[in-house]
Structures are given as structure tokens and as C-alpha cells.
């Protein structure tokens, strides 16, 4: 059979080695932990600067696109309770080559998100440590390569390996710590709402869309408008797909995966819209649009410096939950691709006592640390959206293909109105992809162009389906 037609069977692995220790509360917390992070704590200012008060609609649009994709993920995750997320679903529905390319895009998404969040966290942590009298620089320059300045980010590397160590110790232990930190993050946002809502002034929402409803380029190369804001706010929503990578470690995947994916999206969408509305109602959006910490800035301006310090401190402590969720997801995608033979099979070994893939977790930490330690946040963050959008499109297509090809397969969760929501997810993702800046789109296609020959030289000959092992 030609490599592009080889498809994985739609079933759970016969001999899963990962321990099943997670239930739906762990999965909801994993999803919320991945979604709620720098996106709401920092990007709300940038989004408001692009869309004005209309950023509330930007949140709704980005959230709606992600919700359509999330419902598609939920159907496939319960049909195929195997790790690998969009990679596994694409491999089983569209074929091996398509599966590899989606897996390659996911490697970009997850690695870049881990690196970007680690770099962002290092800025918070550096400031916090300075306040405690510990002067640990965020960047240490050490030369130049091909005209590119090289530097080392010790705090970013530290947090990545700290989280990797936690994941190696055990998935259940990591999940409980993640859940505790998620509660802290939500509590900090609820504190913000309690302070900001009494200062709410509806007049600050006029004009509602001062920069228009579309996405208009400016002389500086950035875009403004409500749809431009939606393209940025999209970064604040995704992360629920990390839940689907936990399929083989979930006690009751047929029920718990759907609750984890849809539940985390619902919680975060409502929370984001409430925080966005409270922020704009409490302060003119122009006053916090350029701030790297808009939530804390608004609270300080309202005469609550102690609360601002608490919110900033919680962000510093709890943002690593995003690193945990995405590093976890990346290790499981690497693990499944190795088990399928598309990466070296030795990478899929699981520790006999810990029940975790130790080698692949350390390997992932090294890759992400190299990105986080050597590149700046601006150089790595924007690529995450491109890889995610590609994966979301593939998942929506997979739902429709399997509805036609395998209508009789058991679907513990069925995407409601699938023939409407799946196309909406595709159209929304394509539009948001086209709203990315030209440089990001070019770098994404360069990455994908590298992935194709890697597959042809290795995976097409070494995969489990190719060798019948």
C-alpha cells in the first residue's frame, strides 16, 4: 500500500504501557492550566490596543472558533482513546503522510509554546527575585552566529527542566500540583473581577470598534481591528488539545475526555470575556494597551497595590502550569510517533516503575530549553498559532471524513451539528491563519517543507505499518 494511504486502526493501543491515573477533574484542570496563562494576564492589553472595547467580540470570535474545534476533538478523542492528539486522529483518518505532517506541525506548536511561556515566565521571575535581593539576569549574551546575537536564559531553562522532572516523577503527581496552581490562577482573576467591577463605567465602551471590524494593516506592519484582535486572542484560548494527549492515561476516556476538553473551554471562555469586559469598564483601554501586565496595572490604578502584588505573584507561580500542560502534550506526541516508528522506536520506552517516558521527556526538555535559552520571546511566540491552526483544520476534516467512511463506529461523544461546526472550524482557522503576519506564515511553511523529506527519508520506510511490526 502506498505510504499516503496507510492508516492506523481506529482503536486504543493493545498494550498501553502508560499508567491510567487521571479522571475528569484532572483533565479539566489540565485544560484550564494550558489555556489560562500569559494570554489573559498579558495579551489582553495588546488585544485591546488592536480592537479597542471590541476586544470583547475578539474574545468571542476566537473562543467560538476554538469551541468548534474543541467539539471535533472531543468526538475523535473518545473514538480513539490513544495518545497523540491531532496526529493520531489524522493518521487514522487521512493517512500516514498527512498524520506525519500534522505531527510535525504539533512539534512546532508545543515546543514553541513551552519555550515562549518559559521566556515570558523568566521575565516575571527575574523581577520577583530582584525584589528579594537575588540578581539573576534574564539574558546572558555569549556571542554571535551568522549575524544573530546568541544569549542564554538561565531562568527559562531552569523552569523547563523543573517541570520535566515533575512529569518524570509521575503523571498523577503532576496533575495534582497542576490542579492546585490552576485554582490559584482562577482565584487571582476572580480577585481582579472583585476589584474592577465596582469601577465599571459603560461609557468606556464608546466607540466600541474605534479601529474597525476587520483586520487592517498599519504602517508599522501590525494589524488593527476586531478581527485582528481575534487573531491575537486565539493564542489565549488554545491548550484544550493538550487534554486529548492524555487519552492513554485516563481512567474512563469515553466520558472523561469530552468533559475535560469541552469543560475547560467553557470555563475559560466565560472567564476571559468577564475579565476583558471588567478591564475595559474599569479603565480606558488606551491606558493599559501597551502594558506587559495590564491586569496588575489596572488594579494598582484603582488604589490596590497589595492586590496587584498578589496577582503578579500568582502569575509568576502559576504560569508554569501552561509549561506543564504543553510539555506533557509534546512528550506524549513524541512518544506515540516513536511507537509508530515515525521517530526512533527507542524513544518510546517507558520507565518500569515510574510509568512515564523518561528519555523522551528529557529530550523534549532539551529541545525546548535550546529555543527558550537562545531566542527571544518575539522570535518564537508567533509560530505557535500557525502550528495550532493547521492541527485544528486537520481535526475538523478528520471528523467529516470518518462520519462518511466509518458511520457505524461507536462514538461515546458526538459533535453536535458536525456538518455545520466542522466546516465553521475550518473556515475560522483558515481566516485566522491568513491574519498572521507574513513572516510567521513563511517560517511555518519552511518548517513544514523540512518535515516532508524527513518523513520520506525515514518514516515512509521505518513506520510500524511499513514494516508490519
Protein backbone atom coordinates (compact mmCIF):
# COMPACT_ATOMS: atom_id res chain seq x y z
CA UNK A 1 0.00 0.00 0.00
CA UNK A 2 1.27 3.48 -0.88
CA UNK A 3 2.52 5.42 2.14
CA UNK A 4 -0.09 8.17 1.78
CA UNK A 5 -2.89 5.57 2.06
CA UNK A 6 -1.52 3.71 5.11
CA UNK A 7 -3.83 4.35 8.07
CA UNK A 8 -3.64 3.35 11.72
CA UNK A 9 -6.52 1.26 13.02
CA UNK A 10 -9.13 3.24 14.93
CA UNK A 11 -8.70 1.66 18.34
CA UNK A 12 -6.88 2.04 21.64
CA UNK A 13 -3.36 0.54 21.79
CA UNK A 14 -3.47 -3.16 22.61
CA UNK A 15 -0.58 -2.98 25.08
CA UNK A 16 -0.62 0.53 26.53
CA UNK A 17 2.29 1.00 28.93
CA UNK A 18 1.31 4.35 30.39
CA UNK A 19 -0.49 4.24 33.74
CA UNK A 20 -4.19 5.18 33.79
CA UNK A 21 -4.32 7.56 36.74
CA UNK A 22 -6.35 10.56 35.51
CA UNK A 23 -10.07 11.32 35.91
CA UNK A 24 -12.15 14.19 34.53
CA UNK A 25 -11.27 16.77 37.25
CA UNK A 26 -7.58 16.25 36.40
CA UNK A 27 -8.35 16.72 32.70
CA UNK A 28 -10.41 19.89 33.23
CA UNK A 29 -7.56 21.27 35.33
CA UNK A 30 -5.04 20.23 32.66
CA UNK A 31 -7.06 22.08 30.03
CA UNK A 32 -7.60 25.20 32.15
CA UNK A 33 -3.94 25.08 33.14
CA UNK A 34 -2.92 25.09 29.48
CA UNK A 35 -5.42 27.77 28.42
CA UNK A 36 -5.26 30.30 31.26
CA UNK A 37 -1.82 31.82 31.22
CA UNK A 38 0.04 34.67 29.62
CA UNK A 39 -2.83 35.04 27.14
CA UNK A 40 -5.19 36.61 29.67
CA UNK A 41 -2.59 38.06 32.03
CA UNK A 42 -0.66 39.90 29.29
CA UNK A 43 -2.24 39.68 25.83
CA UNK A 44 -5.48 41.38 26.83
CA UNK A 45 -3.62 44.69 26.68
CA UNK A 46 -2.31 44.01 23.18
CA UNK A 47 -5.74 42.84 22.04
CA UNK A 48 -7.42 45.96 23.42
CA UNK A 49 -4.83 48.10 21.67
CA UNK A 50 -5.75 46.45 18.37
CA UNK A 51 -9.53 46.24 18.76
CA UNK A 52 -10.49 48.77 21.45
CA UNK A 53 -13.54 47.79 23.53
CA UNK A 54 -14.42 45.47 20.64
CA UNK A 55 -11.81 43.09 22.05
CA UNK A 56 -14.79 41.51 23.84
CA UNK A 57 -16.05 40.45 20.42
CA UNK A 58 -12.50 39.38 19.53
CA UNK A 59 -12.59 37.05 22.53
CA UNK A 60 -15.97 35.71 21.46
CA UNK A 61 -14.83 35.07 17.86
CA UNK A 62 -11.59 33.37 18.85
CA UNK A 63 -13.41 31.38 21.51
CA UNK A 64 -16.11 30.32 19.02
CA UNK A 65 -13.55 29.03 16.52
CA UNK A 66 -11.78 27.12 19.29
CA UNK A 67 -15.11 25.81 20.61
CA UNK A 68 -15.97 24.33 17.20
CA UNK A 69 -12.53 22.71 17.08
CA UNK A 70 -12.87 21.52 20.69
CA UNK A 71 -16.13 19.70 19.92
CA UNK A 72 -14.43 17.96 17.00
CA UNK A 73 -11.52 16.99 19.26
CA UNK A 74 -13.95 15.58 21.82
CA UNK A 75 -15.57 13.23 19.28
CA UNK A 76 -12.26 11.90 17.98
CA UNK A 77 -10.67 11.63 21.44
CA UNK A 78 -13.49 9.39 22.69
CA UNK A 79 -13.50 7.33 19.46
CA UNK A 80 -9.72 6.81 19.60
CA UNK A 81 -8.62 6.79 23.26
CA UNK A 82 -4.95 6.85 22.32
CA UNK A 83 -2.27 9.46 22.95
CA UNK A 84 -1.10 11.67 20.11
CA UNK A 85 -3.95 14.15 19.75
CA UNK A 86 -4.43 15.51 16.22
CA UNK A 87 -1.51 13.42 14.95
CA UNK A 88 -3.26 10.16 15.86
CA UNK A 89 -6.64 11.29 14.53
CA UNK A 90 -5.16 12.40 11.20
CA UNK A 91 -3.08 9.23 10.85
CA UNK A 92 -6.20 7.08 11.35
CA UNK A 93 -8.45 9.08 9.04
CA UNK A 94 -6.34 10.76 6.35
CA UNK A 95 -3.28 8.51 6.15
CA UNK A 96 0.31 8.24 7.31
CA UNK A 97 1.83 11.15 5.40
CA UNK A 98 -0.92 13.55 6.50
CA UNK A 99 -0.55 12.25 10.05
CA UNK A 100 3.19 12.86 9.99
CA UNK A 101 2.76 16.42 8.69
CA UNK A 102 0.22 17.22 11.41
CA UNK A 103 2.55 15.66 13.99
CA UNK A 104 5.36 17.82 12.60
CA UNK A 105 3.14 20.90 12.99
CA UNK A 106 2.31 19.86 16.57
CA UNK A 107 6.01 19.56 17.38
CA UNK A 108 6.29 23.20 16.30
CA UNK A 109 3.22 24.27 18.28
CA UNK A 110 4.02 22.54 21.56
CA UNK A 111 7.76 23.20 21.58
CA UNK A 112 7.30 26.86 20.74
CA UNK A 113 4.58 27.36 23.36
CA UNK A 114 6.71 25.74 26.08
CA UNK A 115 9.68 27.90 25.07
CA UNK A 116 7.66 31.10 24.73
CA UNK A 117 5.93 30.70 28.09
CA UNK A 118 9.24 29.84 29.75
CA UNK A 119 10.80 33.02 28.37
CA UNK A 120 7.76 35.04 29.46
CA UNK A 121 7.89 33.48 32.93
CA UNK A 122 11.58 34.27 33.23
CA UNK A 123 10.73 37.97 33.00
CA UNK A 124 8.23 37.71 35.89
CA UNK A 125 10.61 35.56 37.92
CA UNK A 126 13.60 37.82 37.34
CA UNK A 127 11.68 40.80 38.68
CA UNK A 128 10.37 38.82 41.64
CA UNK A 129 13.84 37.53 42.56
CA UNK A 130 15.31 41.03 42.23
CA UNK A 131 12.77 42.21 44.79
CA UNK A 132 14.03 39.50 47.12
CA UNK A 133 17.62 40.63 46.65
CA UNK A 134 18.61 37.88 44.20
CA UNK A 135 20.02 39.31 41.00
CA UNK A 136 19.68 36.59 38.34
CA UNK A 137 19.80 38.17 34.86
CA UNK A 138 17.14 37.13 32.37
CA UNK A 139 19.58 37.11 29.43
CA UNK A 140 23.32 36.36 29.33
CA UNK A 141 24.87 37.25 25.93
CA UNK A 142 27.67 34.97 24.78
CA UNK A 143 28.44 35.72 21.14
CA UNK A 144 27.05 35.84 17.65
CA UNK A 145 26.31 33.30 14.92
CA UNK A 146 25.56 34.31 11.34
CA UNK A 147 24.67 37.84 12.40
CA UNK A 148 22.31 36.54 15.08
CA UNK A 149 23.07 37.51 18.68
CA UNK A 150 23.29 34.50 20.98
CA UNK A 151 22.33 34.58 24.63
CA UNK A 152 21.43 32.23 27.47
CA UNK A 153 18.25 32.49 29.55
CA UNK A 154 19.03 30.59 32.78
CA UNK A 155 15.61 31.01 34.39
CA UNK A 156 13.75 29.77 31.30
CA UNK A 157 15.95 26.69 31.12
CA UNK A 158 15.51 26.10 34.85
CA UNK A 159 11.70 26.13 34.76
CA UNK A 160 11.55 23.79 31.76
CA UNK A 161 13.75 21.18 33.45
CA UNK A 162 11.93 21.62 36.77
CA UNK A 163 8.61 20.86 35.08
CA UNK A 164 10.18 17.97 33.14
CA UNK A 165 11.41 16.49 36.40
CA UNK A 166 7.91 16.71 37.84
CA UNK A 167 6.47 14.92 34.78
CA UNK A 168 9.08 12.17 35.07
CA UNK A 169 8.13 11.51 38.70
CA UNK A 170 4.58 10.65 37.71
CA UNK A 171 1.54 11.88 35.79
CA UNK A 172 -0.85 11.75 38.76
CA UNK A 173 1.51 13.72 40.99
CA UNK A 174 1.97 16.32 38.25
CA UNK A 175 -1.80 16.54 37.79
CA UNK A 176 -2.46 17.26 41.47
CA UNK A 177 0.15 20.03 41.59
CA UNK A 178 -1.24 21.43 38.33
CA UNK A 179 -4.77 21.43 39.80
CA UNK A 180 -3.64 23.37 42.87
CA UNK A 181 -1.91 26.01 40.74
CA UNK A 182 -4.93 26.29 38.44
CA UNK A 183 -7.10 27.10 41.47
CA UNK A 184 -4.60 29.87 42.34
CA UNK A 185 -4.74 31.33 38.83
CA UNK A 186 -8.53 31.44 38.77
CA UNK A 187 -8.61 32.92 42.28
CA UNK A 188 -6.30 35.73 41.13
CA UNK A 189 -8.60 36.54 38.20
CA UNK A 190 -11.66 36.47 40.49
CA UNK A 191 -9.82 38.90 42.79
CA UNK A 192 -9.30 41.17 39.80
CA UNK A 193 -13.01 41.00 38.95
CA UNK A 194 -13.96 41.85 42.55
CA UNK A 195 -11.76 44.98 42.41
CA UNK A 196 -12.51 46.09 38.84
CA UNK A 197 -16.28 45.63 38.64
CA UNK A 198 -17.14 48.34 41.22
CA UNK A 199 -15.25 50.82 39.00
CA UNK A 200 -17.10 49.71 35.85
CA UNK A 201 -18.18 52.58 33.57
CA UNK A 202 -20.21 51.67 30.47
CA UNK A 203 -19.18 54.91 28.73
CA UNK A 204 -15.68 53.46 28.24
CA UNK A 205 -17.17 51.11 25.64
CA UNK A 206 -17.91 54.00 23.26
CA UNK A 207 -16.82 53.93 20.47
CA UNK A 208 -16.99 50.15 20.57
CA UNK A 209 -14.85 49.43 17.48
CA UNK A 210 -12.62 52.51 17.01
CA UNK A 211 -10.30 50.69 14.56
CA UNK A 212 -12.99 48.94 12.53
CA UNK A 213 -14.36 45.40 12.49
CA UNK A 214 -11.92 43.81 10.04
CA UNK A 215 -8.14 43.43 10.07
CA UNK A 216 -6.39 46.49 8.65
CA UNK A 217 -2.59 46.69 8.18
CA UNK A 218 -0.80 49.70 9.65
CA UNK A 219 2.40 51.46 8.65
CA UNK A 220 4.30 49.61 11.39
CA UNK A 221 3.46 46.21 9.90
CA UNK A 222 0.88 45.26 12.54
CA UNK A 223 -2.86 44.87 12.02
CA UNK A 224 -5.68 46.59 13.87
CA UNK A 225 -9.41 45.93 14.10
CA UNK A 226 -11.71 43.48 15.84
CA UNK A 227 -10.72 40.55 13.61
CA UNK A 228 -7.04 41.40 14.05
CA UNK A 229 -7.66 41.24 17.78
CA UNK A 230 -9.33 37.85 17.35
CA UNK A 231 -6.22 36.50 15.59
CA UNK A 232 -4.13 37.57 18.60
CA UNK A 233 -6.65 36.42 21.22
CA UNK A 234 -6.66 32.98 19.62
CA UNK A 235 -3.32 32.41 21.38
CA UNK A 236 -5.12 32.93 24.69
CA UNK A 237 -7.57 30.08 24.05
CA UNK A 238 -5.83 27.06 22.67
CA UNK A 239 -4.44 24.48 25.00
CA UNK A 240 -7.52 22.29 25.36
CA UNK A 241 -5.96 19.99 22.75
CA UNK A 242 -3.36 19.05 25.37
CA UNK A 243 -6.20 17.19 27.16
CA UNK A 244 -6.56 14.77 24.25
CA UNK A 245 -2.90 13.74 24.57
CA UNK A 246 -3.78 12.19 27.96
CA UNK A 247 -6.11 9.57 26.47
CA UNK A 248 -3.98 6.56 27.41
CA UNK A 249 -3.60 7.79 31.00
CA UNK A 250 -7.32 8.46 31.54
CA UNK A 251 -9.37 6.04 33.64
CA UNK A 252 -12.61 6.42 31.64
CA UNK A 253 -11.66 8.07 28.33
CA UNK A 254 -15.11 7.65 26.75
CA UNK A 255 -16.57 10.03 29.32
CA UNK A 256 -13.73 11.95 30.87
CA UNK A 257 -12.02 13.25 27.70
CA UNK A 258 -15.14 15.03 26.44
CA UNK A 259 -15.73 16.59 29.87
CA UNK A 260 -12.10 17.70 30.06
CA UNK A 261 -11.99 19.26 26.59
CA UNK A 262 -15.41 20.94 26.49
CA UNK A 263 -15.43 21.81 30.20
CA UNK A 264 -12.07 23.59 30.13
CA UNK A 265 -13.09 25.58 27.02
CA UNK A 266 -16.41 26.66 28.56
CA UNK A 267 -14.80 27.77 31.83
CA UNK A 268 -12.07 29.75 30.07
CA UNK A 269 -14.33 31.44 27.51
CA UNK A 270 -16.66 32.76 30.22
CA UNK A 271 -13.73 33.81 32.40
CA UNK A 272 -11.95 35.61 29.56
CA UNK A 273 -14.99 37.59 28.46
CA UNK A 274 -15.72 38.60 32.05
CA UNK A 275 -12.11 39.72 32.66
CA UNK A 276 -11.96 41.59 29.33
CA UNK A 277 -15.21 43.45 29.99
CA UNK A 278 -14.15 44.31 33.55
CA UNK A 279 -10.76 45.60 32.40
CA UNK A 280 -12.20 47.94 29.75
CA UNK A 281 -15.01 49.07 32.04
CA UNK A 282 -12.55 49.93 34.81
CA UNK A 283 -10.00 51.88 32.72
CA UNK A 284 -9.74 53.45 29.28
CA UNK A 285 -8.19 50.74 27.11
CA UNK A 286 -5.51 53.14 25.82
CA UNK A 287 -4.07 53.39 29.32
CA UNK A 288 -3.20 49.67 29.54
CA UNK A 289 -2.88 48.65 25.88
CA UNK A 290 0.92 48.89 25.87
CA UNK A 291 1.44 47.28 29.30
CA UNK A 292 3.03 43.86 29.68
CA UNK A 293 0.99 43.35 32.87
CA UNK A 294 -2.38 45.04 32.17
CA UNK A 295 -4.31 43.23 34.91
CA UNK A 296 -1.90 44.27 37.66
CA UNK A 297 -1.67 47.81 36.19
CA UNK A 298 -5.44 48.30 36.39
CA UNK A 299 -5.55 47.03 39.98
CA UNK A 300 -2.73 49.41 41.02
CA UNK A 301 -4.50 52.31 39.31
CA UNK A 302 -7.61 51.51 41.35
CA UNK A 303 -5.62 52.00 44.54
CA UNK A 304 -4.96 48.36 45.40
CA UNK A 305 -1.16 47.88 45.21
CA UNK A 306 -1.25 44.92 47.59
CA UNK A 307 -3.78 43.11 45.43
CA UNK A 308 -1.70 43.95 42.33
CA UNK A 309 1.32 42.37 44.01
CA UNK A 310 -0.72 39.26 44.83
CA UNK A 311 -1.95 38.95 41.24
CA UNK A 312 1.57 39.41 39.88
CA UNK A 313 2.94 36.88 42.34
CA UNK A 314 0.28 34.31 41.48
CA UNK A 315 1.04 34.79 37.78
CA UNK A 316 4.71 34.10 38.45
CA UNK A 317 3.92 30.96 40.44
CA UNK A 318 1.05 29.58 38.38
CA UNK A 319 2.01 30.34 34.76
CA UNK A 320 4.28 27.25 34.76
CA UNK A 321 1.06 25.19 34.60
CA UNK A 322 0.98 26.17 30.91
CA UNK A 323 4.51 24.82 30.54
CA UNK A 324 3.46 21.62 32.33
CA UNK A 325 0.42 21.07 30.09
CA UNK A 326 2.24 21.67 26.81
CA UNK A 327 5.44 19.88 27.80
CA UNK A 328 3.28 16.94 28.82
CA UNK A 329 1.48 17.07 25.47
CA UNK A 330 4.71 17.30 23.50
CA UNK A 331 6.27 14.31 25.25
CA UNK A 332 3.17 12.19 24.53
CA UNK A 333 3.15 13.17 20.85
CA UNK A 334 6.85 12.29 20.54
CA UNK A 335 6.13 9.04 22.42
CA UNK A 336 3.33 7.94 20.07
CA UNK A 337 5.21 8.94 16.91
CA UNK A 338 8.16 6.87 18.14
CA UNK A 339 5.89 3.93 18.97
CA UNK A 340 4.52 4.15 15.43
CA UNK A 341 8.05 4.05 14.03
CA UNK A 342 7.94 7.55 12.57
CA UNK A 343 10.64 8.50 15.07
CA UNK A 344 13.28 6.12 16.52
CA UNK A 345 11.43 3.37 18.41
CA UNK A 346 13.81 3.55 21.36
CA UNK A 347 12.27 6.92 22.21
CA UNK A 348 9.01 5.22 23.22
CA UNK A 349 10.45 3.31 26.17
CA UNK A 350 8.52 3.76 29.42
CA UNK A 351 10.20 3.52 32.85
CA UNK A 352 9.15 0.26 34.51
CA UNK A 353 8.49 1.82 37.93
CA UNK A 354 7.50 5.40 37.18
CA UNK A 355 5.29 4.54 34.21
CA UNK A 356 6.49 7.63 32.32
CA UNK A 357 8.61 8.04 29.15
CA UNK A 358 11.76 9.34 30.83
CA UNK A 359 14.04 9.65 27.79
CA UNK A 360 11.54 11.45 25.59
CA UNK A 361 10.64 13.83 28.44
CA UNK A 362 14.30 14.79 28.91
CA UNK A 363 14.81 15.06 25.14
CA UNK A 364 11.81 17.38 24.85
CA UNK A 365 13.13 19.50 27.71
CA UNK A 366 16.48 19.85 25.94
CA UNK A 367 14.82 20.94 22.65
CA UNK A 368 12.55 23.47 24.37
CA UNK A 369 15.40 24.76 26.52
CA UNK A 370 17.51 25.38 23.43
CA UNK A 371 14.73 27.51 21.96
CA UNK A 372 13.95 29.29 25.23
CA UNK A 373 17.58 29.77 26.20
CA UNK A 374 18.86 31.05 22.87
CA UNK A 375 16.00 33.00 21.27
CA UNK A 376 13.91 35.96 22.40
CA UNK A 377 10.19 35.80 23.05
CA UNK A 378 9.37 37.79 19.91
CA UNK A 379 11.31 35.35 17.74
CA UNK A 380 9.48 32.22 18.91
CA UNK A 381 5.98 33.12 20.13
CA UNK A 382 4.16 33.89 16.87
CA UNK A 383 4.91 30.48 15.31
CA UNK A 384 2.71 28.68 17.85
CA UNK A 385 -0.54 29.92 16.28
CA UNK A 386 0.38 28.59 12.83
CA UNK A 387 1.03 25.03 14.01
CA UNK A 388 -2.12 25.02 16.13
CA UNK A 389 -4.36 26.25 13.34
CA UNK A 390 -3.02 23.57 11.00
CA UNK A 391 -3.82 20.88 13.58
CA UNK A 392 -7.32 22.25 14.21
CA UNK A 393 -8.08 22.20 10.47
CA UNK A 394 -6.90 18.58 10.21
CA UNK A 395 -9.09 17.50 13.15
CA UNK A 396 -12.21 19.11 11.67
CA UNK A 397 -11.53 17.41 8.32
CA UNK A 398 -10.97 14.09 10.12
CA UNK A 399 -14.39 14.28 11.80
CA UNK A 400 -16.15 14.71 8.44
CA UNK A 401 -14.08 12.01 6.71
CA UNK A 402 -14.82 9.45 9.44
CA UNK A 403 -18.50 10.34 9.52
CA UNK A 404 -18.60 9.28 5.84
CA UNK A 405 -16.13 6.39 5.88
CA UNK A 406 -16.99 4.85 9.27
CA UNK A 407 -20.55 5.92 10.14
CA UNK A 408 -21.15 2.83 12.28
CA UNK A 409 -18.20 3.25 14.64
CA UNK A 410 -19.04 3.82 18.30
CA UNK A 411 -18.80 7.49 19.23
CA UNK A 412 -19.15 7.96 23.01
CA UNK A 413 -19.33 11.69 22.30
CA UNK A 414 -20.76 13.00 19.03
CA UNK A 415 -20.03 16.53 17.82
CA UNK A 416 -23.44 18.24 17.64
CA UNK A 417 -24.29 19.62 14.17
CA UNK A 418 -20.99 18.20 12.92
CA UNK A 419 -21.62 19.12 9.29
CA UNK A 420 -22.02 22.75 10.37
CA UNK A 421 -19.48 23.08 13.19
CA UNK A 422 -16.59 21.23 11.47
CA UNK A 423 -16.72 23.47 8.34
CA UNK A 424 -17.03 26.53 10.60
CA UNK A 425 -13.89 25.43 12.45
CA UNK A 426 -12.03 25.06 9.13
CA UNK A 427 -13.18 28.43 7.76
CA UNK A 428 -12.43 30.18 11.05
CA UNK A 429 -8.95 28.66 11.30
CA UNK A 430 -8.11 29.48 7.68
CA UNK A 431 -9.18 33.08 8.23
CA UNK A 432 -7.16 33.41 11.43
CA UNK A 433 -4.16 31.82 9.69
CA UNK A 434 -4.41 34.39 6.91
CA UNK A 435 -4.44 37.13 9.58
CA UNK A 436 -0.97 36.13 10.81
CA UNK A 437 1.90 38.31 9.67
CA UNK A 438 3.73 37.33 6.50
CA UNK A 439 6.97 36.37 8.28
CA UNK A 440 5.20 33.89 10.54
CA UNK A 441 3.42 32.25 7.61
CA UNK A 442 6.70 31.94 5.71
CA UNK A 443 8.51 30.38 8.68
CA UNK A 444 5.66 27.91 9.17
CA UNK A 445 5.84 26.71 5.56
CA UNK A 446 9.63 26.47 5.77
CA UNK A 447 9.22 24.22 8.83
CA UNK A 448 6.64 22.06 7.02
CA UNK A 449 8.89 21.88 3.94
CA UNK A 450 11.63 20.46 6.16
CA UNK A 451 9.24 17.88 7.58
CA UNK A 452 8.26 16.33 4.25
CA UNK A 453 11.74 15.00 3.29
CA UNK A 454 12.35 13.88 6.89
CA UNK A 455 9.31 11.63 6.54
CA UNK A 456 10.24 10.41 3.07
CA UNK A 457 13.79 9.52 4.17
CA UNK A 458 12.80 7.89 7.49
CA UNK A 459 9.15 7.43 8.36
CA UNK A 460 7.96 6.12 5.00
CA UNK A 461 10.35 3.13 5.38
CA UNK A 462 10.56 2.74 9.18
CA UNK A 463 6.95 3.12 10.30
CA UNK A 464 5.20 0.23 12.01
CA UNK A 465 2.73 -0.06 9.15
CA UNK A 466 5.52 -0.08 6.56
CA UNK A 467 7.44 -2.86 8.35
CA UNK A 468 4.30 -4.71 9.54
CA UNK A 469 5.56 -4.79 13.14
